[in-house]
PDB file of N, CA and C in Angstrom:
ATOM      1  N   MET A   1      30.707 -66.692  83.568  1.00  0.00           N
ATOM      2  CA  MET A   1      31.336 -67.211  84.462  1.00  0.00           C
ATOM      3  C   MET A   1      32.056 -68.818  83.748  1.00  0.00           C
ATOM      4  N   ILE A   2      33.409 -68.560  84.183  1.00  0.00           N
ATOM      5  CA  ILE A   2      34.243 -69.829  83.535  1.00  0.00           C
ATOM      6  C   ILE A   2      34.284 -70.865  84.663  1.00  0.00           C
ATOM      7  N   PRO A   3      33.794 -72.115  84.171  1.00  0.00           N
ATOM      8  CA  PRO A   3      33.807 -73.075  85.248  1.00  0.00           C
ATOM      9  C   PRO A   3      35.287 -73.582  85.736  1.00  0.00           C
ATOM     10  N   HIS A   4      35.534 -73.767  86.625  1.00  0.00           N
ATOM     11  CA  HIS A   4      36.909 -74.112  87.293  1.00  0.00           C
ATOM     12  C   HIS A   4      36.989 -75.757  87.453  1.00  0.00           C
ATOM     13  N   ALA A   5      38.071 -76.304  87.148  1.00  0.00           N
ATOM     14  CA  ALA A   5      38.402 -77.567  87.436  1.00  0.00           C
ATOM     15  C   ALA A   5      38.593 -77.750  88.735  1.00  0.00           C
ATOM     16  N   PRO A   6      38.142 -78.876  89.391  1.00  0.00           N
ATOM     17  CA  PRO A   6      38.387 -79.147  90.719  1.00  0.00           C
ATOM     18  C   PRO A   6      39.858 -79.190  91.136  1.00  0.00           C
ATOM     19  N   ILE A   7      40.044 -78.809  92.158  1.00  0.00           N
ATOM     20  CA  ILE A   7      41.456 -78.830  92.857  1.00  0.00           C
ATOM     21  C   ILE A   7      41.795 -80.160  93.594  1.00  0.00           C
ATOM     22  N   GLY A   8      42.649 -80.897  93.158  1.00  0.00           N
ATOM     23  CA  GLY A   8      42.989 -82.140  93.949  1.00  0.00           C
ATOM     24  C   GLY A   8      43.954 -81.763  95.209  1.00  0.00           C
ATOM     25  N   GLU A   9      43.787 -82.698  95.863  1.00  0.00           N
ATOM     26  CA  GLU A   9      44.834 -82.659  97.407  1.00  0.00           C
ATOM     27  C   GLU A   9      46.347 -83.067  96.646  1.00  0.00           C
ATOM     28  N   PRO A  10      47.282 -82.504  97.481  1.00  0.00           N
ATOM     29  CA  PRO A  10      48.649 -82.993  97.344  1.00  0.00           C
ATOM     30  C   PRO A  10      48.650 -84.492  97.428  1.00  0.00           C
ATOM     31  N   GLY A  11      49.372 -85.081  96.733  1.00  0.00           N
ATOM     32  CA  GLY A  11      49.522 -86.628  96.899  1.00  0.00           C
ATOM     33  C   GLY A  11      48.585 -87.390  96.115  1.00  0.00           C
ATOM     34  N   SER A  12      47.686 -86.508  95.508  1.00  0.00           N
ATOM     35  CA  SER A  12      46.549 -87.419  94.718  1.00  0.00           C
ATOM     36  C   SER A  12      47.000 -88.691  93.942  1.00  0.00           C
ATOM     37  N   SER A  13      48.417 -88.629  93.410  1.00  0.00           N
ATOM     38  CA  SER A  13      48.951 -89.565  92.563  1.00  0.00           C
ATOM     39  C   SER A  13      49.049 -90.865  93.110  1.00  0.00           C
ATOM     40  N   LEU A  14      49.032 -90.931  94.592  1.00  0.00           N
ATOM     41  CA  LEU A  14      49.221 -91.930  95.194  1.00  0.00           C
ATOM     42  C   LEU A  14      48.268 -93.081  95.111  1.00  0.00           C
ATOM     43  N   ALA A  15      47.067 -92.619  94.461  1.00  0.00           N
ATOM     44  CA  ALA A  15      45.783 -93.418  94.473  1.00  0.00           C
ATOM     45  C   ALA A  15      46.026 -94.123  92.926  1.00  0.00           C
ATOM     46  N   ASN A  16      46.865 -93.517  92.040  1.00  0.00           N
ATOM     47  CA  ASN A  16      46.866 -94.047  90.706  1.00  0.00           C
ATOM     48  C   ASN A  16      48.432 -94.086  90.364  1.00  0.00           C
ATOM     49  N   LYS A  17      48.938 -94.978  89.607  1.00  0.00           N
ATOM     50  CA  LYS A  17      50.430 -94.920  89.201  1.00  0.00           C
ATOM     51  C   LYS A  17      50.332 -94.012  88.054  1.00  0.00           C
ATOM     52  N   THR A  18      50.879 -92.900  88.246  1.00  0.00           N
ATOM     53  CA  THR A  18      50.753 -91.790  87.229  1.00  0.00           C
ATOM     54  C   THR A  18      52.003 -91.607  86.527  1.00  0.00           C
ATOM     55  N   GLY A  19      53.157 -92.472  86.864  1.00  0.00           N
ATOM     56  CA  GLY A  19      54.438 -92.054  86.378  1.00  0.00           C
ATOM     57  C   GLY A  19      54.699 -92.490  85.050  1.00  0.00           C
ATOM     58  N   SER A  20      53.734 -93.214  84.408  1.00  0.00           N
ATOM     59  CA  SER A  20      53.946 -93.573  83.172  1.00  0.00           C
ATOM     60  C   SER A  20      53.776 -92.791  82.016  1.00  0.00           C
ATOM     61  N   TRP A  21      53.398 -91.721  82.253  1.00  0.00           N
ATOM     62  CA  TRP A  21      53.329 -90.591  81.262  1.00  0.00           C
ATOM     63  C   TRP A  21      54.382 -89.436  81.324  1.00  0.00           C
ATOM     64  N   ARG A  22      55.213 -89.579  82.272  1.00  0.00           N
ATOM     65  CA  ARG A  22      56.199 -88.587  82.441  1.00  0.00           C
ATOM     66  C   ARG A  22      57.186 -88.578  81.573  1.00  0.00           C
ATOM     67  N   ILE A  23      57.944 -87.472  81.330  1.00  0.00           N
ATOM     68  CA  ILE A  23      58.861 -87.490  80.168  1.00  0.00           C
ATOM     69  C   ILE A  23      60.331 -87.263  80.978  1.00  0.00           C
ATOM     70  N   PHE A  24      60.534 -86.546  82.078  1.00  0.00           N
ATOM     71  CA  PHE A  24      61.574 -86.357  82.725  1.00  0.00           C
ATOM     72  C   PHE A  24      61.771 -87.007  83.964  1.00  0.00           C
ATOM     73  N   ILE A  25      62.658 -87.447  84.505  1.00  0.00           N
ATOM     74  CA  ILE A  25      62.855 -88.050  85.848  1.00  0.00           C
ATOM     75  C   ILE A  25      63.817 -87.339  86.729  1.00  0.00           C
ATOM     76  N   PRO A  26      63.660 -87.182  87.977  1.00  0.00           N
ATOM     77  CA  PRO A  26      64.590 -86.651  88.867  1.00  0.00           C
ATOM     78  C   PRO A  26      65.791 -87.788  89.177  1.00  0.00           C
ATOM     79  N   VAL A  27      67.001 -87.257  89.065  1.00  0.00           N
ATOM     80  CA  VAL A  27      68.104 -88.339  89.548  1.00  0.00           C
ATOM     81  C   VAL A  27      68.830 -87.682  90.662  1.00  0.00           C
ATOM     82  N   PHE A  28      68.893 -88.316  91.795  1.00  0.00           N
ATOM     83  CA  PHE A  28      69.495 -87.696  92.794  1.00  0.00           C
ATOM     84  C   PHE A  28      71.090 -88.084  93.088  1.00  0.00           C
ATOM     85  N   SER A  29      71.701 -87.096  93.404  1.00  0.00           N
ATOM     86  CA  SER A  29      73.206 -87.403  93.666  1.00  0.00           C
ATOM     87  C   SER A  29      73.578 -87.344  95.029  1.00  0.00           C
ATOM     88  N   ALA A  30      73.861 -88.722  95.485  1.00  0.00           N
ATOM     89  CA  ALA A  30      74.087 -88.778  96.845  1.00  0.00           C
ATOM     90  C   ALA A  30      75.438 -87.968  97.332  1.00  0.00           C
ATOM     91  N   GLU A  31      76.280 -87.776  96.451  1.00  0.00           N
ATOM     92  CA  GLU A  31      77.707 -87.096  96.745  1.00  0.00           C
ATOM     93  C   GLU A  31      77.225 -85.494  97.105  1.00  0.00           C
ATOM     94  N   LEU A  32      76.182 -85.003  96.454  1.00  0.00           N
ATOM     95  CA  LEU A  32      75.920 -83.614  96.460  1.00  0.00           C
ATOM     96  C   LEU A  32      74.822 -83.252  97.653  1.00  0.00           C
ATOM     97  N   CYS A  33      73.922 -84.344  97.729  1.00  0.00           N
ATOM     98  CA  CYS A  33      72.864 -84.049  98.881  1.00  0.00           C
ATOM     99  C   CYS A  33      73.401 -84.004 100.152  1.00  0.00           C
ATOM    100  N   ASN A  34      72.834 -82.937 100.805  1.00  0.00           N
ATOM    101  CA  ASN A  34      73.164 -82.602 102.379  1.00  0.00           C
ATOM    102  C   ASN A  34      71.953 -82.983 103.331  1.00  0.00           C
ATOM    103  N   GLY A  35      71.131 -83.670 102.727  1.00  0.00           N
ATOM    104  CA  GLY A  35      69.996 -84.340 103.501  1.00  0.00           C
ATOM    105  C   GLY A  35      69.258 -83.476 104.122  1.00  0.00           C
ATOM    106  N   CYS A  36      68.958 -82.124 103.429  1.00  0.00           N
ATOM    107  CA  CYS A  36      68.070 -81.419 104.211  1.00  0.00           C
ATOM    108  C   CYS A  36      66.580 -81.406 104.023  1.00  0.00           C
ATOM    109  N   GLY A  37      66.216 -82.380 103.142  1.00  0.00           N
ATOM    110  CA  GLY A  37      64.747 -82.617 103.017  1.00  0.00           C
ATOM    111  C   GLY A  37      63.959 -81.541 102.238  1.00  0.00           C
ATOM    112  N   THR A  38      64.595 -80.619 101.542  1.00  0.00           N
ATOM    113  CA  THR A  38      63.731 -79.603 100.858  1.00  0.00           C
ATOM    114  C   THR A  38      63.069 -80.358  99.661  1.00  0.00           C
ATOM    115  N   CYS A  39      63.634 -81.275  99.109  1.00  0.00           N
ATOM    116  CA  CYS A  39      63.023 -82.074  97.796  1.00  0.00           C
ATOM    117  C   CYS A  39      61.556 -82.606  98.444  1.00  0.00           C
ATOM    118  N   GLU A  40      61.635 -83.369  99.664  1.00  0.00           N
ATOM    119  CA  GLU A  40      60.652 -84.247 100.035  1.00  0.00           C
ATOM    120  C   GLU A  40      59.533 -82.923 100.651  1.00  0.00           C
ATOM    121  N   THR A  41      60.014 -82.033 101.035  1.00  0.00           N
ATOM    122  CA  THR A  41      58.781 -80.773 101.484  1.00  0.00           C
ATOM    123  C   THR A  41      58.158 -80.406 100.212  1.00  0.00           C
ATOM    124  N   PHE A  42      59.091 -80.213  99.153  1.00  0.00           N
ATOM    125  CA  PHE A  42      58.283 -79.541  97.987  1.00  0.00           C
ATOM    126  C   PHE A  42      57.624 -80.226  97.020  1.00  0.00           C
ATOM    127  N   CYS A  43      57.860 -81.657  97.197  1.00  0.00           N
ATOM    128  CA  CYS A  43      57.181 -82.805  96.288  1.00  0.00           C
ATOM    129  C   CYS A  43      55.697 -82.525  96.384  1.00  0.00           C
ATOM    130  N   PRO A  44      54.893 -81.913  95.173  1.00  0.00           N
ATOM    131  CA  PRO A  44      53.559 -81.769  95.678  1.00  0.00           C
ATOM    132  C   PRO A  44      52.711 -83.292  95.479  1.00  0.00           C
ATOM    133  N   GLU A  45      53.248 -84.201  95.049  1.00  0.00           N
ATOM    134  CA  GLU A  45      52.736 -85.631  95.036  1.00  0.00           C
ATOM    135  C   GLU A  45      53.280 -86.414  96.237  1.00  0.00           C
ATOM    136  N   GLY A  46      54.329 -85.930  96.892  1.00  0.00           N
ATOM    137  CA  GLY A  46      54.716 -86.614  98.355  1.00  0.00           C
ATOM    138  C   GLY A  46      55.505 -88.090  97.720  1.00  0.00           C
ATOM    139  N   VAL A  47      55.990 -88.036  96.617  1.00  0.00           N
ATOM    140  CA  VAL A  47      56.740 -89.434  96.514  1.00  0.00           C
ATOM    141  C   VAL A  47      58.202 -89.386  96.613  1.00  0.00           C
ATOM    142  N   VAL A  48      58.751 -88.261  97.153  1.00  0.00           N
ATOM    143  CA  VAL A  48      60.166 -88.151  97.582  1.00  0.00           C
ATOM    144  C   VAL A  48      60.294 -88.565  99.062  1.00  0.00           C
ATOM    145  N   HIS A  49      61.156 -89.524  99.315  1.00  0.00           N
ATOM    146  CA  HIS A  49      61.375 -89.958 100.487  1.00  0.00           C
ATOM    147  C   HIS A  49      63.040 -90.250 100.736  1.00  0.00           C
ATOM    148  N   LYS A  50      63.201 -90.230 102.276  1.00  0.00           N
ATOM    149  CA  LYS A  50      64.563 -90.473 102.618  1.00  0.00           C
ATOM    150  C   LYS A  50      64.863 -92.041 102.340  1.00  0.00           C
ATOM    151  N   ARG A  51      66.019 -92.159 101.853  1.00  0.00           N
ATOM    152  CA  ARG A  51      66.526 -93.632 101.866  1.00  0.00           C
ATOM    153  C   ARG A  51      66.891 -94.348 103.139  1.00  0.00           C
ATOM    154  N   ALA A  52      66.304 -95.827 103.233  1.00  0.00           N
ATOM    155  CA  ALA A  52      66.419 -96.295 104.504  1.00  0.00           C
ATOM    156  C   ALA A  52      67.696 -96.243 104.895  1.00  0.00           C
ATOM    157  N   ASP A  53      68.828 -96.649 103.917  1.00  0.00           N
ATOM    158  CA  ASP A  53      70.260 -96.862 104.122  1.00  0.00           C
ATOM    159  C   ASP A  53      71.289 -95.609 104.203  1.00  0.00           C
ATOM    160  N   SER A  54      70.669 -94.353 104.142  1.00  0.00           N
ATOM    161  CA  SER A  54      71.209 -93.086 104.183  1.00  0.00           C
ATOM    162  C   SER A  54      70.531 -91.995 104.262  1.00  0.00           C
ATOM    163  N   ASP A  55      71.145 -90.659 104.465  1.00  0.00           N
ATOM    164  CA  ASP A  55      70.339 -89.585 104.786  1.00  0.00           C
ATOM    165  C   ASP A  55      70.076 -88.844 103.325  1.00  0.00           C
ATOM    166  N   THR A  56      70.066 -89.599 102.156  1.00  0.00           N
ATOM    167  CA  THR A  56      69.900 -89.153 100.942  1.00  0.00           C
ATOM    168  C   THR A  56      68.295 -89.378 100.481  1.00  0.00           C
ATOM    169  N   PHE A  57      67.862 -88.770  99.582  1.00  0.00           N
ATOM    170  CA  PHE A  57      66.655 -88.928  99.304  1.00  0.00           C
ATOM    171  C   PHE A  57      66.418 -89.576  97.923  1.00  0.00           C
ATOM    172  N   ILE A  58      65.281 -90.277  97.661  1.00  0.00           N
ATOM    173  CA  ILE A  58      64.926 -90.959  96.188  1.00  0.00           C
ATOM    174  C   ILE A  58      63.472 -90.579  95.839  1.00  0.00           C
ATOM    175  N   ALA A  59      63.034 -90.527  94.602  1.00  0.00           N
ATOM    176  CA  ALA A  59      61.542 -90.462  94.160  1.00  0.00           C
ATOM    177  C   ALA A  59      60.981 -91.846  93.935  1.00  0.00           C
ATOM    178  N   ASP A  60      59.744 -91.880  94.177  1.00  0.00           N
ATOM    179  CA  ASP A  60      59.226 -93.325  93.833  1.00  0.00           C
ATOM    180  C   ASP A  60      58.766 -92.973  92.393  1.00  0.00           C
ATOM    181  N   TYR A  61      59.355 -93.742  91.409  1.00  0.00           N
ATOM    182  CA  TYR A  61      59.122 -93.254  89.947  1.00  0.00           C
ATOM    183  C   TYR A  61      57.770 -93.962  89.479  1.00  0.00           C
ATOM    184  N   ASP A  62      57.065 -94.879  90.121  1.00  0.00           N
ATOM    185  CA  ASP A  62      55.850 -95.297  89.761  1.00  0.00           C
ATOM    186  C   ASP A  62      54.976 -94.241  90.017  1.00  0.00           C
ATOM    187  N   TYR A  63      55.021 -93.312  90.809  1.00  0.00           N
ATOM    188  CA  TYR A  63      54.011 -92.236  90.985  1.00  0.00           C
ATOM    189  C   TYR A  63      54.534 -90.586  90.660  1.00  0.00           C
ATOM    190  N   CYS A  64      55.971 -90.568  90.451  1.00  0.00           N
ATOM    191  CA  CYS A  64      56.646 -89.431  90.072  1.00  0.00           C
ATOM    192  C   CYS A  64      56.253 -88.751  88.730  1.00  0.00           C
ATOM    193  N   LYS A  65      55.544 -87.587  88.805  1.00  0.00           N
ATOM    194  CA  LYS A  65      55.223 -87.076  87.574  1.00  0.00           C
ATOM    195  C   LYS A  65      56.241 -86.345  86.918  1.00  0.00           C
ATOM    196  N   GLY A  66      57.303 -86.198  87.178  1.00  0.00           N
ATOM    197  CA  GLY A  66      58.523 -85.679  86.434  1.00  0.00           C
ATOM    198  C   GLY A  66      58.403 -83.892  86.286  1.00  0.00           C
ATOM    199  N   CYS A  67      57.564 -83.245  87.567  1.00  0.00           N
ATOM    200  CA  CYS A  67      57.544 -81.706  87.357  1.00  0.00           C
ATOM    201  C   CYS A  67      58.754 -81.154  87.563  1.00  0.00           C
ATOM    202  N   GLY A  68      59.669 -81.703  88.374  1.00  0.00           N
ATOM    203  CA  GLY A  68      60.922 -80.966  88.412  1.00  0.00           C
ATOM    204  C   GLY A  68      61.214 -80.098  89.625  1.00  0.00           C
ATOM    205  N   ILE A  69      59.913 -79.791  90.438  1.00  0.00           N
ATOM    206  CA  ILE A  69      59.949 -78.849  91.686  1.00  0.00           C
ATOM    207  C   ILE A  69      60.873 -79.578  92.414  1.00  0.00           C
ATOM    208  N   CYS A  70      61.093 -80.665  92.696  1.00  0.00           N
ATOM    209  CA  CYS A  70      62.231 -81.005  93.696  1.00  0.00           C
ATOM    210  C   CYS A  70      63.645 -80.663  93.149  1.00  0.00           C
ATOM    211  N   ALA A  71      64.017 -80.726  91.836  1.00  0.00           N
ATOM    212  CA  ALA A  71      65.319 -80.231  91.363  1.00  0.00           C
ATOM    213  C   ALA A  71      65.348 -78.893  91.419  1.00  0.00           C
ATOM    214  N   TYR A  72      64.318 -77.929  91.125  1.00  0.00           N
ATOM    215  CA  TYR A  72      64.237 -76.633  91.293  1.00  0.00           C
ATOM    216  C   TYR A  72      64.400 -76.050  92.664  1.00  0.00           C
ATOM    217  N   GLU A  73      63.969 -76.760  93.577  1.00  0.00           N
ATOM    218  CA  GLU A  73      64.241 -76.096  95.091  1.00  0.00           C
ATOM    219  C   GLU A  73      65.180 -76.772  95.775  1.00  0.00           C
ATOM    220  N   CYS A  74      66.185 -77.582  95.237  1.00  0.00           N
ATOM    221  CA  CYS A  74      67.171 -78.240  95.686  1.00  0.00           C
ATOM    222  C   CYS A  74      68.247 -77.137  96.176  1.00  0.00           C
ATOM    223  N   PRO A  75      68.794 -76.929  97.100  1.00  0.00           N
ATOM    224  CA  PRO A  75      69.785 -75.784  97.285  1.00  0.00           C
ATOM    225  C   PRO A  75      71.048 -76.256  96.907  1.00  0.00           C
ATOM    226  N   LYS A  76      71.187 -77.642  96.745  1.00  0.00           N
ATOM    227  CA  LYS A  76      72.501 -78.151  96.480  1.00  0.00           C
ATOM    228  C   LYS A  76      73.035 -78.610  94.955  1.00  0.00           C
ATOM    229  N   ASP A  77      71.752 -78.302  94.265  1.00  0.00           N
ATOM    230  CA  ASP A  77      71.785 -78.953  92.898  1.00  0.00           C
ATOM    231  C   ASP A  77      72.186 -80.452  92.914  1.00  0.00           C
ATOM    232  N   ALA A  78      71.567 -80.939  93.660  1.00  0.00           N
ATOM    233  CA  ALA A  78      71.807 -82.516  93.977  1.00  0.00           C
ATOM    234  C   ALA A  78      70.773 -83.287  92.907  1.00  0.00           C
ATOM    235  N   ILE A  79      69.975 -82.788  92.611  1.00  0.00           N
ATOM    236  CA  ILE A  79      68.824 -83.637  91.707  1.00  0.00           C
ATOM    237  C   ILE A  79      68.881 -82.742  90.204  1.00  0.00           C
ATOM    238  N   LYS A  80      69.012 -83.825  89.203  1.00  0.00           N
ATOM    239  CA  LYS A  80      68.870 -83.344  87.785  1.00  0.00           C
ATOM    240  C   LYS A  80      67.752 -83.957  87.325  1.00  0.00           C
ATOM    241  N   MET A  81      67.061 -83.351  86.228  1.00  0.00           N
ATOM    242  CA  MET A  81      66.025 -83.904  85.642  1.00  0.00           C
ATOM    243  C   MET A  81      66.521 -84.175  84.336  1.00  0.00           C
ATOM    244  N   ILE A  82      66.373 -85.676  84.234  1.00  0.00           N
ATOM    245  CA  ILE A  82      66.953 -86.157  82.760  1.00  0.00           C
ATOM    246  C   ILE A  82      65.680 -86.813  82.024  1.00  0.00           C
ATOM    247  N   LEU A  83      65.879 -86.662  80.476  1.00  0.00           N
ATOM    248  CA  LEU A  83      64.797 -87.442  79.793  1.00  0.00           C
ATOM    249  C   LEU A  83      64.928 -88.918  80.082  1.00  0.00           C
ATOM    250  N   GLU A  84      63.738 -89.361  80.373  1.00  0.00           N
ATOM    251  CA  GLU A  84      63.652 -90.760  80.605  1.00  0.00           C
ATOM    252  C   GLU A  84      63.582 -91.528  79.168  1.00  0.00           C
ATOM    253  N   GLU A  85      64.168 -92.525  79.405  1.00  0.00           N
ATOM    254  CA  GLU A  85      64.169 -93.596  78.245  1.00  0.00           C
ATOM    255  C   GLU A  85      63.200 -94.574  78.542  1.00  0.00           C
ATOM    256  N   LYS A  86      62.299 -94.706  77.652  1.00  0.00           N
ATOM    257  CA  LYS A  86      61.178 -95.673  77.666  1.00  0.00           C
ATOM    258  C   LYS A  86      61.493 -96.738  76.859  1.00  0.00           C
TER     259      LYS A  86
END
């Protein structure tokens, strides 16, 4: 029998700032965003949130792991994954 790693709960990165090891970051385009919230729904860490000043979204880069699921799921291609400059 092969041992399995424990499965963590979604949003587990909120306990620790995990963004420091990411390679790509999501960049959100306010012009293309239709405010549907798909990115927020599919973010496995729960770090994508609606901006307080508009109906567009942003990721908390302190906790974003750069997985790209938000960009992949966005129906308007309003999120681009770009190489993060450290």
